[in-house]
Amino acid sequence: MKGKVNIFKKGIALLALACLTITSPLLAETPEEKGQKIMEKIDAFPALEKMIAETVLHIYDAQGKKLFSKKSRTASYTENFRDHKKRLRRSLSYFFSPADDKGNGALMTEIEGDDDDQWLYLKGLRKPKRVLGSDKSSSFMGSDFSNGDVAARDIADYNYKWLATEKIKFKKKTLTVEKIETTFKSKQQSSDYGYSKTVTWIHAKSGLPFKSETYNLNGQLSKTSRLRSFAVKKNRDGKKVYMPTGLEMKNVIKGTKTVMGMKNIKTGKKAAKIKPGIFKVDYLTRRWW
């Protein structure tokens, strides 16, 4: 009888193992879960508290001819930079070249639990203009970047889906990147920003987006971007922060492109003069730099 009981127990154990083997694929991580996990990990990477830089936008026509360059001074500040769940990013830009753009400005701030607050000051209008609704899909200062492209992003607004792990070439180096599809959770936001989805090839170890494809509301490829350069800075805690310093945006439909570059980047003590109180609409027309 004892032998029969042991055989019975072994049979139950084997049956349980077989059931676990059969059902384990159902417990595997879905592409959506994997995409979400990757983006949450990247969102939690160290951040800079303060930064000052000079930014230039080189704008080209469909024939590849450079039409003009727009130069600005940009300041950024991240409230609660140590806590990724509470971080609120702010940036303020003053354009000083060419002469027609001198005095124009842009302000972007994140608001906890709400849409970001974005303002433009165009001296021809003589007053700040808030960027609302469909303005998110409009051109940022005449470039191929939209107002939405340069706005702060909250990962809680998006659905993510992992598509593949791929290899890409960057300046003679081969890197492993994750191909992630991003869509808005809100149909209204998708309409406001003017796109149905974005596919990004992102480096999971640094958080750098090496290239992306943006599709309009009709599902048509409308824009592509690629990283041209990046810098590695240390924040107040001595932790490395990877930041894009060169980005090319192409409008696939129009054939135009804009190349954004940053230089003279100052962080930490070198950016000490940047105060949280300057990130207000008033400072679009007041000297802060």
C-alpha atoms as a PDB file:
ATOM      1  CA  MET A   1       0.000   0.000   0.000  1.00  0.00           C
ATOM      2  CA  LYS A   2       2.865   2.337   0.862  1.00  0.00           C
ATOM      3  CA  GLY A   3       4.386   1.777  -2.571  1.00  0.00           C
ATOM      4  CA  LYS A   4       1.104   2.636  -4.234  1.00  0.00           C
ATOM      5  CA  VAL A   5       0.895   5.901  -2.229  1.00  0.00           C
ATOM      6  CA  ASN A   6       4.419   6.892  -3.297  1.00  0.00           C
ATOM      7  CA  ILE A   7       3.604   6.144  -6.924  1.00  0.00           C
ATOM      8  CA  PHE A   8       0.430   8.240  -6.545  1.00  0.00           C
ATOM      9  CA  LYS A   9       2.387  11.186  -5.072  1.00  0.00           C
ATOM     10  CA  LYS A  10       4.955  10.992  -7.851  1.00  0.00           C
ATOM     11  CA  GLY A  11       2.164  10.980 -10.389  1.00  0.00           C
ATOM     12  CA  ILE A  12       0.622  14.116  -8.839  1.00  0.00           C
ATOM     13  CA  ALA A  13       4.024  15.840  -8.868  1.00  0.00           C
ATOM     14  CA  LEU A  14       4.616  14.982 -12.521  1.00  0.00           C
ATOM     15  CA  LEU A  15       1.120  16.183 -13.417  1.00  0.00           C
ATOM     16  CA  ALA A  16       1.713  19.503 -11.626  1.00  0.00           C
ATOM     17  CA  LEU A  17       5.037  19.923 -13.432  1.00  0.00           C
ATOM     18  CA  ALA A  18       3.362  19.193 -16.767  1.00  0.00           C
ATOM     19  CA  CYS A  19       0.643  21.768 -16.049  1.00  0.00           C
ATOM     20  CA  LEU A  20       3.262  24.349 -15.088  1.00  0.00           C
ATOM     21  CA  THR A  21       5.151  23.674 -18.321  1.00  0.00           C
ATOM     22  CA  ILE A  22       2.007  23.997 -20.382  1.00  0.00           C
ATOM     23  CA  THR A  23       0.813  27.220 -18.723  1.00  0.00           C
ATOM     24  CA  SER A  24       4.197  28.978 -18.378  1.00  0.00           C
ATOM     25  CA  PRO A  25       3.997  30.641 -21.831  1.00  0.00           C
ATOM     26  CA  LEU A  26       0.763  32.282 -20.656  1.00  0.00           C
ATOM     27  CA  LEU A  27       2.679  33.840 -17.755  1.00  0.00           C
ATOM     28  CA  ALA A  28       5.438  35.201 -19.998  1.00  0.00           C
ATOM     29  CA  GLU A  29       5.958  38.953 -20.211  1.00  0.00           C
ATOM     30  CA  THR A  30       3.855  40.543 -22.939  1.00  0.00           C
ATOM     31  CA  PRO A  31       5.332  43.062 -25.419  1.00  0.00           C
ATOM     32  CA  GLU A  32       3.274  45.767 -23.682  1.00  0.00           C
ATOM     33  CA  GLU A  33       4.592  44.828 -20.245  1.00  0.00           C
ATOM     34  CA  LYS A  34       8.160  44.685 -21.501  1.00  0.00           C
ATOM     35  CA  GLY A  35       7.862  48.044 -23.228  1.00  0.00           C
ATOM     36  CA  GLN A  36       6.385  49.619 -20.091  1.00  0.00           C
ATOM     37  CA  LYS A  37       9.128  48.158 -17.896  1.00  0.00           C
ATOM     38  CA  ILE A  38      11.900  49.465 -20.161  1.00  0.00           C
ATOM     39  CA  MET A  39      10.443  52.974 -20.274  1.00  0.00           C
ATOM     40  CA  GLU A  40       9.832  53.081 -16.519  1.00  0.00           C
ATOM     41  CA  LYS A  41      13.447  52.082 -15.923  1.00  0.00           C
ATOM     42  CA  ILE A  42      14.671  54.833 -18.271  1.00  0.00           C
ATOM     43  CA  ASP A  43      12.355  57.396 -16.672  1.00  0.00           C
ATOM     44  CA  ALA A  44      13.970  56.626 -13.300  1.00  0.00           C
ATOM     45  CA  PHE A  45      17.522  57.363 -14.536  1.00  0.00           C
ATOM     46  CA  PRO A  46      19.426  60.211 -12.797  1.00  0.00           C
ATOM     47  CA  ALA A  47      18.548  63.741 -13.927  1.00  0.00           C
ATOM     48  CA  LEU A  48      20.259  67.128 -13.924  1.00  0.00           C
ATOM     49  CA  GLU A  49      18.929  69.759 -11.561  1.00  0.00           C
ATOM     50  CA  LYS A  50      20.114  72.839 -13.501  1.00  0.00           C
ATOM     51  CA  MET A  51      21.554  73.505 -16.939  1.00  0.00           C
ATOM     52  CA  ILE A  52      22.400  76.449 -19.199  1.00  0.00           C
ATOM     53  CA  ALA A  53      23.253  75.995 -22.872  1.00  0.00           C
ATOM     54  CA  GLU A  54      23.275  77.647 -26.263  1.00  0.00           C
ATOM     55  CA  THR A  55      21.027  75.997 -28.810  1.00  0.00           C
ATOM     56  CA  VAL A  56      20.961  76.443 -32.569  1.00  0.00           C
ATOM     57  CA  LEU A  57      18.338  75.318 -35.079  1.00  0.00           C
ATOM     58  CA  HIS A  58      19.648  74.926 -38.656  1.00  0.00           C
ATOM     59  CA  ILE A  59      16.639  74.840 -40.977  1.00  0.00           C
ATOM     60  CA  TYR A  60      16.880  73.360 -44.511  1.00  0.00           C
ATOM     61  CA  ASP A  61      14.478  73.329 -47.452  1.00  0.00           C
ATOM     62  CA  ALA A  62      13.440  70.288 -49.523  1.00  0.00           C
ATOM     63  CA  GLN A  63      16.488  70.718 -51.793  1.00  0.00           C
ATOM     64  CA  GLY A  64      18.881  70.547 -48.836  1.00  0.00           C
ATOM     65  CA  LYS A  65      19.679  74.271 -48.878  1.00  0.00           C
ATOM     66  CA  LYS A  66      20.066  75.898 -45.473  1.00  0.00           C
ATOM     67  CA  LEU A  67      17.512  78.669 -45.196  1.00  0.00           C
ATOM     68  CA  PHE A  68      18.596  80.150 -41.859  1.00  0.00           C
ATOM     69  CA  SER A  69      19.808  79.370 -38.358  1.00  0.00           C
ATOM     70  CA  LYS A  70      18.106  80.345 -35.125  1.00  0.00           C
ATOM     71  CA  LYS A  71      20.176  80.675 -31.971  1.00  0.00           C
ATOM     72  CA  SER A  72      18.949  80.760 -28.400  1.00  0.00           C
ATOM     73  CA  ARG A  73      20.076  80.626 -24.800  1.00  0.00           C
ATOM     74  CA  THR A  74      18.251  77.970 -22.831  1.00  0.00           C
ATOM     75  CA  ALA A  75      17.950  77.375 -19.111  1.00  0.00           C
ATOM     76  CA  SER A  76      16.424  74.290 -17.541  1.00  0.00           C
ATOM     77  CA  TYR A  77      15.537  73.311 -14.008  1.00  0.00           C
ATOM     78  CA  THR A  78      14.211  70.034 -12.611  1.00  0.00           C
ATOM     79  CA  GLU A  79      12.291  70.216  -9.350  1.00  0.00           C
ATOM     80  CA  ASN A  80      12.781  67.119  -7.146  1.00  0.00           C
ATOM     81  CA  PHE A  81      15.444  65.849  -9.555  1.00  0.00           C
ATOM     82  CA  ARG A  82      16.327  62.984  -7.200  1.00  0.00           C
ATOM     83  CA  ASP A  83      12.817  61.497  -7.214  1.00  0.00           C
ATOM     84  CA  HIS A  84      11.634  60.440 -10.661  1.00  0.00           C
ATOM     85  CA  LYS A  85       8.036  60.124  -9.435  1.00  0.00           C
ATOM     86  CA  LYS A  86       7.923  63.767  -8.370  1.00  0.00           C
ATOM     87  CA  ARG A  87      10.162  65.395 -11.002  1.00  0.00           C
ATOM     88  CA  LEU A  88       8.812  68.484 -12.711  1.00  0.00           C
ATOM     89  CA  ARG A  89      10.882  69.803 -15.607  1.00  0.00           C
ATOM     90  CA  ARG A  90      11.019  73.426 -16.734  1.00  0.00           C
ATOM     91  CA  SER A  91      12.842  75.209 -19.542  1.00  0.00           C
ATOM     92  CA  LEU A  92      13.124  78.810 -20.708  1.00  0.00           C
ATOM     93  CA  SER A  93      14.661  79.958 -24.005  1.00  0.00           C
ATOM     94  CA  TYR A  94      15.625  83.384 -25.333  1.00  0.00           C
ATOM     95  CA  PHE A  95      16.322  83.715 -29.073  1.00  0.00           C
ATOM     96  CA  PHE A  96      19.063  86.175 -30.017  1.00  0.00           C
ATOM     97  CA  SER A  97      19.760  85.384 -33.684  1.00  0.00           C
ATOM     98  CA  PRO A  98      18.864  86.167 -36.458  1.00  0.00           C
ATOM     99  CA  ALA A  99      17.809  89.769 -35.899  1.00  0.00           C
ATOM    100  CA  ASP A 100      14.192  89.044 -36.858  1.00  0.00           C
ATOM    101  CA  ASP A 101      13.953  86.523 -34.014  1.00  0.00           C
ATOM    102  CA  LYS A 102      15.902  88.450 -31.397  1.00  0.00           C
ATOM    103  CA  GLY A 103      13.709  88.780 -28.330  1.00  0.00           C
ATOM    104  CA  ASN A 104      11.440  85.818 -29.049  1.00  0.00           C
ATOM    105  CA  GLY A 105      11.161  83.220 -26.318  1.00  0.00           C
ATOM    106  CA  ALA A 106       9.702  79.903 -25.207  1.00  0.00           C
ATOM    107  CA  LEU A 107       8.686  78.572 -21.796  1.00  0.00           C
ATOM    108  CA  MET A 108       7.785  74.985 -20.931  1.00  0.00           C
ATOM    109  CA  THR A 109       6.859  73.671 -17.495  1.00  0.00           C
ATOM    110  CA  GLU A 110       5.477  70.397 -16.194  1.00  0.00           C
ATOM    111  CA  ILE A 111       2.550  70.554 -13.794  1.00  0.00           C
ATOM    112  CA  GLU A 112       1.878  67.680 -11.412  1.00  0.00           C
ATOM    113  CA  GLY A 113      -1.213  65.729 -12.413  1.00  0.00           C
ATOM    114  CA  ASP A 114      -1.998  68.028 -15.352  1.00  0.00           C
ATOM    115  CA  ASP A 115      -0.964  68.835 -18.918  1.00  0.00           C
ATOM    116  CA  ASP A 116       2.316  70.682 -19.361  1.00  0.00           C
ATOM    117  CA  ASP A 117       2.145  74.479 -19.545  1.00  0.00           C
ATOM    118  CA  GLN A 118       3.746  75.872 -22.698  1.00  0.00           C
ATOM    119  CA  TRP A 119       4.103  79.514 -23.796  1.00  0.00           C
ATOM    120  CA  LEU A 120       5.693  81.318 -26.724  1.00  0.00           C
ATOM    121  CA  TYR A 121       6.598  84.970 -26.942  1.00  0.00           C
ATOM    122  CA  LEU A 122       6.775  86.346 -30.470  1.00  0.00           C
ATOM    123  CA  LYS A 123       7.698  90.024 -30.452  1.00  0.00           C
ATOM    124  CA  GLY A 124       5.444  90.653 -33.457  1.00  0.00           C
ATOM    125  CA  LEU A 125       2.430  89.726 -31.296  1.00  0.00           C
ATOM    126  CA  ARG A 126       3.765  91.806 -28.375  1.00  0.00           C
ATOM    127  CA  LYS A 127       2.382  89.403 -25.800  1.00  0.00           C
ATOM    128  CA  PRO A 128       2.960  85.803 -24.680  1.00  0.00           C
ATOM    129  CA  LYS A 129       0.793  83.164 -26.333  1.00  0.00           C
ATOM    130  CA  ARG A 130      -0.151  79.944 -24.594  1.00  0.00           C
ATOM    131  CA  VAL A 131       0.224  76.754 -26.628  1.00  0.00           C
ATOM    132  CA  LEU A 132      -3.076  74.897 -26.450  1.00  0.00           C
ATOM    133  CA  GLY A 133      -4.745  71.956 -28.154  1.00  0.00           C
ATOM    134  CA  SER A 134      -3.879  71.621 -31.826  1.00  0.00           C
ATOM    135  CA  ASP A 135      -1.060  74.166 -31.401  1.00  0.00           C
ATOM    136  CA  LYS A 136       0.964  71.180 -30.161  1.00  0.00           C
ATOM    137  CA  SER A 137       1.234  69.972 -33.762  1.00  0.00           C
ATOM    138  CA  SER A 138       2.292  73.392 -35.083  1.00  0.00           C
ATOM    139  CA  SER A 139       5.882  74.190 -36.001  1.00  0.00           C
ATOM    140  CA  PHE A 140       8.195  75.273 -33.206  1.00  0.00           C
ATOM    141  CA  MET A 141       9.765  78.578 -34.270  1.00  0.00           C
ATOM    142  CA  GLY A 142       9.540  77.715 -37.984  1.00  0.00           C
ATOM    143  CA  SER A 143      11.451  74.433 -37.631  1.00  0.00           C
ATOM    144  CA  ASP A 144      10.561  70.801 -38.375  1.00  0.00           C
ATOM    145  CA  PHE A 145      10.140  70.221 -34.653  1.00  0.00           C
ATOM    146  CA  SER A 146       6.598  70.756 -33.429  1.00  0.00           C
ATOM    147  CA  ASN A 147       5.640  72.474 -30.191  1.00  0.00           C
ATOM    148  CA  GLY A 148       4.752  69.028 -28.906  1.00  0.00           C
ATOM    149  CA  ASP A 149       8.176  67.641 -29.837  1.00  0.00           C
ATOM    150  CA  VAL A 150       9.947  70.091 -27.539  1.00  0.00           C
ATOM    151  CA  ALA A 151       7.446  69.852 -24.670  1.00  0.00           C
ATOM    152  CA  ALA A 152       7.973  67.854 -21.482  1.00  0.00           C
ATOM    153  CA  ARG A 153       6.705  64.275 -21.576  1.00  0.00           C
ATOM    154  CA  ASP A 154       4.989  62.229 -18.870  1.00  0.00           C
ATOM    155  CA  ILE A 155       5.234  58.457 -19.380  1.00  0.00           C
ATOM    156  CA  ALA A 156       1.840  58.081 -17.697  1.00  0.00           C
ATOM    157  CA  ASP A 157       0.253  59.603 -20.837  1.00  0.00           C
ATOM    158  CA  TYR A 158       1.417  56.786 -23.102  1.00  0.00           C
ATOM    159  CA  ASN A 159       1.051  53.112 -23.892  1.00  0.00           C
ATOM    160  CA  TYR A 160       4.279  51.305 -24.744  1.00  0.00           C
ATOM    161  CA  LYS A 161       4.911  48.147 -26.726  1.00  0.00           C
ATOM    162  CA  TRP A 162       8.261  46.420 -27.166  1.00  0.00           C
ATOM    163  CA  LEU A 163       8.765  45.386 -30.792  1.00  0.00           C
ATOM    164  CA  ALA A 164      12.311  44.014 -30.989  1.00  0.00           C
ATOM    165  CA  THR A 165      15.914  44.190 -29.843  1.00  0.00           C
ATOM    166  CA  GLU A 166      18.116  45.421 -32.694  1.00  0.00           C
ATOM    167  CA  LYS A 167      21.639  46.560 -33.498  1.00  0.00           C
ATOM    168  CA  ILE A 168      22.398  50.013 -34.868  1.00  0.00           C
ATOM    169  CA  LYS A 169      25.552  51.809 -35.976  1.00  0.00           C
ATOM    170  CA  PHE A 170      26.526  55.067 -34.312  1.00  0.00           C
ATOM    171  CA  LYS A 171      29.852  56.688 -35.148  1.00  0.00           C
ATOM    172  CA  LYS A 172      31.562  53.393 -36.007  1.00  0.00           C
ATOM    173  CA  LYS A 173      30.180  51.669 -32.920  1.00  0.00           C
ATOM    174  CA  THR A 174      27.531  48.975 -32.858  1.00  0.00           C
ATOM    175  CA  LEU A 175      24.925  49.398 -30.141  1.00  0.00           C
ATOM    176  CA  THR A 176      22.086  47.230 -28.907  1.00  0.00           C
ATOM    177  CA  VAL A 177      18.806  49.141 -28.733  1.00  0.00           C
ATOM    178  CA  GLU A 178      15.195  48.382 -27.933  1.00  0.00           C
ATOM    179  CA  LYS A 179      12.558  49.146 -30.559  1.00  0.00           C
ATOM    180  CA  ILE A 180       9.553  50.609 -28.729  1.00  0.00           C
ATOM    181  CA  GLU A 181       6.161  51.656 -30.097  1.00  0.00           C
ATOM    182  CA  THR A 182       4.493  54.566 -28.286  1.00  0.00           C
ATOM    183  CA  THR A 183       0.839  55.606 -28.508  1.00  0.00           C
ATOM    184  CA  PHE A 184      -1.210  58.099 -26.548  1.00  0.00           C
ATOM    185  CA  LYS A 185      -3.713  56.780 -24.026  1.00  0.00           C
ATOM    186  CA  SER A 186      -5.961  59.734 -24.825  1.00  0.00           C
ATOM    187  CA  LYS A 187      -7.478  60.168 -28.295  1.00  0.00           C
ATOM    188  CA  GLN A 188      -7.655  63.908 -27.657  1.00  0.00           C
ATOM    189  CA  GLN A 189      -3.922  64.132 -26.990  1.00  0.00           C
ATOM    190  CA  SER A 190      -3.217  62.083 -30.102  1.00  0.00           C
ATOM    191  CA  SER A 191      -5.319  64.540 -32.098  1.00  0.00           C
ATOM    192  CA  ASP A 192      -3.696  67.575 -30.478  1.00  0.00           C
ATOM    193  CA  TYR A 193      -0.159  66.358 -31.140  1.00  0.00           C
ATOM    194  CA  GLY A 194      -1.078  65.198 -34.646  1.00  0.00           C
ATOM    195  CA  TYR A 195       0.272  61.672 -34.620  1.00  0.00           C
ATOM    196  CA  SER A 196      -1.027  58.147 -34.139  1.00  0.00           C
ATOM    197  CA  LYS A 197       2.180  56.490 -32.954  1.00  0.00           C
ATOM    198  CA  THR A 198       5.932  56.822 -32.658  1.00  0.00           C
ATOM    199  CA  VAL A 199       8.486  54.038 -33.023  1.00  0.00           C
ATOM    200  CA  THR A 200      11.752  54.723 -31.201  1.00  0.00           C
ATOM    201  CA  TRP A 201      15.052  52.859 -31.157  1.00  0.00           C
ATOM    202  CA  ILE A 202      16.208  53.571 -27.613  1.00  0.00           C
ATOM    203  CA  HIS A 203      19.373  52.568 -25.766  1.00  0.00           C
ATOM    204  CA  ALA A 204      18.199  50.982 -22.521  1.00  0.00           C
ATOM    205  CA  LYS A 205      21.506  51.535 -20.694  1.00  0.00           C
ATOM    206  CA  SER A 206      21.639  55.304 -21.292  1.00  0.00           C
ATOM    207  CA  GLY A 207      18.079  56.241 -22.243  1.00  0.00           C
ATOM    208  CA  LEU A 208      19.287  57.864 -25.464  1.00  0.00           C
ATOM    209  CA  PRO A 209      16.829  57.722 -28.407  1.00  0.00           C
ATOM    210  CA  PHE A 210      19.070  57.013 -31.389  1.00  0.00           C
ATOM    211  CA  LYS A 211      16.319  57.271 -33.982  1.00  0.00           C
ATOM    212  CA  SER A 212      12.558  57.472 -34.285  1.00  0.00           C
ATOM    213  CA  GLU A 213       9.677  57.388 -36.741  1.00  0.00           C
ATOM    214  CA  THR A 214       6.498  59.399 -36.224  1.00  0.00           C
ATOM    215  CA  TYR A 215       3.234  58.478 -37.969  1.00  0.00           C
ATOM    216  CA  ASN A 216       0.414  60.974 -38.529  1.00  0.00           C
ATOM    217  CA  LEU A 217      -3.255  60.416 -37.738  1.00  0.00           C
ATOM    218  CA  ASN A 218      -3.719  58.612 -41.076  1.00  0.00           C
ATOM    219  CA  GLY A 219      -0.992  56.115 -40.144  1.00  0.00           C
ATOM    220  CA  GLN A 220       1.427  57.628 -42.677  1.00  0.00           C
ATOM    221  CA  LEU A 221       5.114  58.056 -41.823  1.00  0.00           C
ATOM    222  CA  SER A 222       5.434  61.820 -41.394  1.00  0.00           C
ATOM    223  CA  LYS A 223       8.721  62.496 -39.588  1.00  0.00           C
ATOM    224  CA  THR A 224      11.957  60.765 -38.720  1.00  0.00           C
ATOM    225  CA  SER A 225      14.671  61.771 -36.306  1.00  0.00           C
ATOM    226  CA  ARG A 226      18.183  60.596 -35.534  1.00  0.00           C
ATOM    227  CA  LEU A 227      20.650  61.357 -32.798  1.00  0.00           C
ATOM    228  CA  ARG A 228      23.774  63.123 -34.030  1.00  0.00           C
ATOM    229  CA  SER A 229      25.633  63.654 -30.760  1.00  0.00           C
ATOM    230  CA  PHE A 230      25.302  63.388 -26.993  1.00  0.00           C
ATOM    231  CA  ALA A 231      27.132  64.424 -23.843  1.00  0.00           C
ATOM    232  CA  VAL A 232      27.605  62.794 -20.458  1.00  0.00           C
ATOM    233  CA  LYS A 233      27.311  65.111 -17.453  1.00  0.00           C
ATOM    234  CA  LYS A 234      27.261  64.489 -13.720  1.00  0.00           C
ATOM    235  CA  ASN A 235      24.492  65.791 -11.527  1.00  0.00           C
ATOM    236  CA  ARG A 236      24.759  67.145  -7.975  1.00  0.00           C
ATOM    237  CA  ASP A 237      24.959  63.598  -6.641  1.00  0.00           C
ATOM    238  CA  GLY A 238      27.829  62.698  -8.955  1.00  0.00           C
ATOM    239  CA  LYS A 239      25.651  60.403 -11.058  1.00  0.00           C
ATOM    240  CA  LYS A 240      26.018  60.255 -14.839  1.00  0.00           C
ATOM    241  CA  VAL A 241      23.324  61.798 -16.990  1.00  0.00           C
ATOM    242  CA  TYR A 242      23.250  61.132 -20.743  1.00  0.00           C
ATOM    243  CA  MET A 243      21.805  63.995 -22.760  1.00  0.00           C
ATOM    244  CA  PRO A 244      21.272  64.503 -26.516  1.00  0.00           C
ATOM    245  CA  THR A 245      23.244  67.483 -27.849  1.00  0.00           C
ATOM    246  CA  GLY A 246      22.547  67.037 -31.548  1.00  0.00           C
ATOM    247  CA  LEU A 247      19.341  65.892 -33.211  1.00  0.00           C
ATOM    248  CA  GLU A 248      18.159  65.848 -36.822  1.00  0.00           C
ATOM    249  CA  MET A 249      14.437  65.979 -37.580  1.00  0.00           C
ATOM    250  CA  LYS A 250      13.172  65.292 -41.111  1.00  0.00           C
ATOM    251  CA  ASN A 251       9.697  65.992 -42.410  1.00  0.00           C
ATOM    252  CA  VAL A 252       9.210  63.009 -44.721  1.00  0.00           C
ATOM    253  CA  ILE A 253       6.147  64.494 -46.427  1.00  0.00           C
ATOM    254  CA  LYS A 254       7.591  67.974 -47.108  1.00  0.00           C
ATOM    255  CA  GLY A 255      11.205  66.861 -47.568  1.00  0.00           C
ATOM    256  CA  THR A 256      12.534  69.550 -45.199  1.00  0.00           C
ATOM    257  CA  LYS A 257      14.779  69.032 -42.190  1.00  0.00           C
ATOM    258  CA  THR A 258      16.052  70.786 -39.071  1.00  0.00           C
ATOM    259  CA  VAL A 259      19.277  70.070 -37.229  1.00  0.00           C
ATOM    260  CA  MET A 260      19.373  71.011 -33.557  1.00  0.00           C
ATOM    261  CA  GLY A 261      22.680  71.439 -31.755  1.00  0.00           C
ATOM    262  CA  MET A 262      23.718  72.403 -28.234  1.00  0.00           C
ATOM    263  CA  LYS A 263      27.013  73.859 -27.030  1.00  0.00           C
ATOM    264  CA  ASN A 264      28.546  75.711 -24.072  1.00  0.00           C
ATOM    265  CA  ILE A 265      26.616  73.469 -21.708  1.00  0.00           C
ATOM    266  CA  LYS A 266      26.928  74.401 -18.045  1.00  0.00           C
ATOM    267  CA  THR A 267      25.597  72.304 -15.186  1.00  0.00           C
ATOM    268  CA  GLY A 268      25.931  72.120 -11.406  1.00  0.00           C
ATOM    269  CA  LYS A 269      27.798  75.042  -9.816  1.00  0.00           C
ATOM    270  CA  LYS A 270      28.385  76.605 -13.239  1.00  0.00           C
ATOM    271  CA  ALA A 271      24.611  76.928 -13.602  1.00  0.00           C
ATOM    272  CA  ALA A 272      24.071  78.176 -10.050  1.00  0.00           C
ATOM    273  CA  LYS A 273      22.592  81.487 -11.212  1.00  0.00           C
ATOM    274  CA  ILE A 274      19.558  79.644 -12.570  1.00  0.00           C
ATOM    275  CA  LYS A 275      16.801  80.130  -9.996  1.00  0.00           C
ATOM    276  CA  PRO A 276      13.463  78.257  -9.921  1.00  0.00           C
ATOM    277  CA  GLY A 277      11.594  81.564  -9.825  1.00  0.00           C
ATOM    278  CA  ILE A 278      12.535  82.576 -13.380  1.00  0.00           C
ATOM    279  CA  PHE A 279      10.407  79.905 -15.026  1.00  0.00           C
ATOM    280  CA  LYS A 280       7.380  82.148 -15.335  1.00  0.00           C
ATOM    281  CA  VAL A 281       5.630  83.891 -18.206  1.00  0.00           C
ATOM    282  CA  ASP A 282       6.989  87.251 -16.983  1.00  0.00           C
ATOM    283  CA  TYR A 283      10.512  86.131 -17.785  1.00  0.00           C
ATOM    284  CA  LEU A 284       9.737  85.672 -21.464  1.00  0.00           C
ATOM    285  CA  THR A 285      10.221  89.437 -21.704  1.00  0.00           C
ATOM    286  CA  ARG A 286      12.595  90.002 -18.784  1.00  0.00           C
ATOM    287  CA  ARG A 287      16.344  89.427 -18.724  1.00  0.00           C
ATOM    288  CA  TRP A 288      17.334  86.230 -16.910  1.00  0.00           C
ATOM    289  CA  TRP A 289      20.499  85.119 -18.776  1.00  0.00           C
END
